Amino acid sequence: MGATYFFGVPFMYWDFGTLAFLLRDQAGLDIQPGEIPEVTAPARFIFVPERAGEFVELQQRYPGGRLQELRAADQHLLALIYDW
């Protein structure tokens, strides 16, 4: 997998304590609200629920990827993960 683009700002950041520890070997970039980065495949995009509304625009720019919904035990959305 290539770089990870994290749509979490301003709610969560890629270098946040737990994420930084769990994903310490994975390159990642924080993406600002309203920004769609120019990327080359392969790429992974992760959206926190508060920014899930931006996913449609990203998917239009990078179609054909695989979407996973990460959900808690009570089924509330934790993250969208899109591998392209």
C-alpha atoms as a PDB file:
ATOM      1  CA  MET A   1       0.000   0.000   0.000  1.00  0.00           C
ATOM      2  CA  GLY A   2       1.186   3.516  -0.770  1.00  0.00           C
ATOM      3  CA  ALA A   3       0.713   6.583   1.376  1.00  0.00           C
ATOM      4  CA  THR A   4      -2.307   7.104   3.603  1.00  0.00           C
ATOM      5  CA  TYR A   5      -4.278  10.341   3.345  1.00  0.00           C
ATOM      6  CA  PHE A   6      -6.097  11.095   6.591  1.00  0.00           C
ATOM      7  CA  PHE A   7      -9.249  13.216   6.470  1.00  0.00           C
ATOM      8  CA  GLY A   8      -9.421  13.811  10.202  1.00  0.00           C
ATOM      9  CA  VAL A   9      -8.431  17.456  10.744  1.00  0.00           C
ATOM     10  CA  PRO A  10      -9.606  19.266  12.911  1.00  0.00           C
ATOM     11  CA  PHE A  11     -11.113  16.358  14.860  1.00  0.00           C
ATOM     12  CA  MET A  12      -8.135  14.001  14.814  1.00  0.00           C
ATOM     13  CA  TYR A  13      -4.629  14.099  13.378  1.00  0.00           C
ATOM     14  CA  TRP A  14      -2.429  11.415  11.818  1.00  0.00           C
ATOM     15  CA  ASP A  15       0.245  11.878  14.473  1.00  0.00           C
ATOM     16  CA  PHE A  16      -2.296  11.645  17.330  1.00  0.00           C
ATOM     17  CA  GLY A  17      -0.911   9.478  20.142  1.00  0.00           C
ATOM     18  CA  THR A  18      -2.747   6.192  19.587  1.00  0.00           C
ATOM     19  CA  LEU A  19      -2.718   6.401  15.787  1.00  0.00           C
ATOM     20  CA  ALA A  20       0.952   7.338  15.767  1.00  0.00           C
ATOM     21  CA  PHE A  21       1.745   4.303  17.906  1.00  0.00           C
ATOM     22  CA  LEU A  22      -0.433   1.772  16.081  1.00  0.00           C
ATOM     23  CA  LEU A  23       0.515   2.958  12.594  1.00  0.00           C
ATOM     24  CA  ARG A  24       4.106   3.991  13.268  1.00  0.00           C
ATOM     25  CA  ASP A  25       5.420   2.194  10.179  1.00  0.00           C
ATOM     26  CA  GLN A  26       2.814   3.660   7.804  1.00  0.00           C
ATOM     27  CA  ALA A  27       3.416   6.971   6.035  1.00  0.00           C
ATOM     28  CA  GLY A  28       0.449   9.288   6.417  1.00  0.00           C
ATOM     29  CA  LEU A  29      -0.586  12.857   5.687  1.00  0.00           C
ATOM     30  CA  ASP A  30      -3.237  15.051   7.291  1.00  0.00           C
ATOM     31  CA  ILE A  31      -5.633  16.490   4.703  1.00  0.00           C
ATOM     32  CA  GLN A  32      -7.296  19.826   5.422  1.00  0.00           C
ATOM     33  CA  PRO A  33     -11.074  20.271   5.056  1.00  0.00           C
ATOM     34  CA  GLY A  34     -12.101  20.940   1.469  1.00  0.00           C
ATOM     35  CA  GLU A  35      -8.797  19.663   0.068  1.00  0.00           C
ATOM     36  CA  ILE A  36      -8.547  16.697  -2.317  1.00  0.00           C
ATOM     37  CA  PRO A  37      -4.894  15.717  -2.761  1.00  0.00           C
ATOM     38  CA  GLU A  38      -3.265  14.767  -6.054  1.00  0.00           C
ATOM     39  CA  VAL A  39      -2.084  11.181  -5.584  1.00  0.00           C
ATOM     40  CA  THR A  40      -0.767   8.203  -7.490  1.00  0.00           C
ATOM     41  CA  ALA A  41      -1.996   4.673  -6.922  1.00  0.00           C
ATOM     42  CA  PRO A  42      -1.872   2.821  -4.705  1.00  0.00           C
ATOM     43  CA  ALA A  43      -3.276   5.096  -2.027  1.00  0.00           C
ATOM     44  CA  ARG A  44      -5.434   4.765   1.071  1.00  0.00           C
ATOM     45  CA  PHE A  45      -7.859   7.443   2.208  1.00  0.00           C
ATOM     46  CA  ILE A  46      -9.291   7.419   5.728  1.00  0.00           C
ATOM     47  CA  PHE A  47     -12.214   9.651   6.734  1.00  0.00           C
ATOM     48  CA  VAL A  48     -13.429  10.281  10.267  1.00  0.00           C
ATOM     49  CA  PRO A  49     -17.264  10.359  10.479  1.00  0.00           C
ATOM     50  CA  GLU A  50     -17.348  14.146  10.789  1.00  0.00           C
ATOM     51  CA  ARG A  51     -15.726  14.427   7.340  1.00  0.00           C
ATOM     52  CA  ALA A  52     -17.440  11.502   5.608  1.00  0.00           C
ATOM     53  CA  GLY A  53     -19.415  13.980   3.489  1.00  0.00           C
ATOM     54  CA  GLU A  54     -16.225  14.741   1.544  1.00  0.00           C
ATOM     55  CA  PHE A  55     -15.918  11.136   0.386  1.00  0.00           C
ATOM     56  CA  VAL A  56     -18.205  11.456  -2.665  1.00  0.00           C
ATOM     57  CA  GLU A  57     -16.006  14.124  -4.258  1.00  0.00           C
ATOM     58  CA  LEU A  58     -12.879  12.063  -3.618  1.00  0.00           C
ATOM     59  CA  GLN A  59     -14.478   8.931  -5.089  1.00  0.00           C
ATOM     60  CA  GLN A  60     -15.443  10.884  -8.211  1.00  0.00           C
ATOM     61  CA  ARG A  61     -11.814  11.914  -8.683  1.00  0.00           C
ATOM     62  CA  TYR A  62     -10.464   8.429  -7.890  1.00  0.00           C
ATOM     63  CA  PRO A  63     -13.137   5.919  -8.998  1.00  0.00           C
ATOM     64  CA  GLY A  64     -12.873   2.160  -8.842  1.00  0.00           C
ATOM     65  CA  GLY A  65     -11.453   1.808  -5.350  1.00  0.00           C
ATOM     66  CA  ARG A  66     -12.648  -0.408  -2.525  1.00  0.00           C
ATOM     67  CA  LEU A  67     -14.642   1.147   0.330  1.00  0.00           C
ATOM     68  CA  GLN A  68     -14.747  -0.302   3.836  1.00  0.00           C
ATOM     69  CA  GLU A  69     -16.835   1.044   6.690  1.00  0.00           C
ATOM     70  CA  LEU A  70     -15.229   0.605  10.093  1.00  0.00           C
ATOM     71  CA  ARG A  71     -17.987   0.344  12.694  1.00  0.00           C
ATOM     72  CA  ALA A  72     -18.130  -0.027  16.468  1.00  0.00           C
ATOM     73  CA  ALA A  73     -19.959  -2.890  18.191  1.00  0.00           C
ATOM     74  CA  ASP A  74     -23.084  -0.702  18.364  1.00  0.00           C
ATOM     75  CA  GLN A  75     -22.740  -0.092  14.589  1.00  0.00           C
ATOM     76  CA  HIS A  76     -21.942   3.617  14.716  1.00  0.00           C
ATOM     77  CA  LEU A  77     -19.447   4.673  12.075  1.00  0.00           C
ATOM     78  CA  LEU A  78     -15.832   5.004  13.208  1.00  0.00           C
ATOM     79  CA  ALA A  79     -14.193   5.609   9.818  1.00  0.00           C
ATOM     80  CA  LEU A  80     -14.449   5.186   6.065  1.00  0.00           C
ATOM     81  CA  ILE A  81     -11.421   3.529   4.476  1.00  0.00           C
ATOM     82  CA  TYR A  82     -11.028   3.772   0.706  1.00  0.00           C
ATOM     83  CA  ASP A  83      -8.238   1.876  -1.023  1.00  0.00           C
ATOM     84  CA  TRP A  84      -7.471   3.071  -4.524  1.00  0.00           C
END
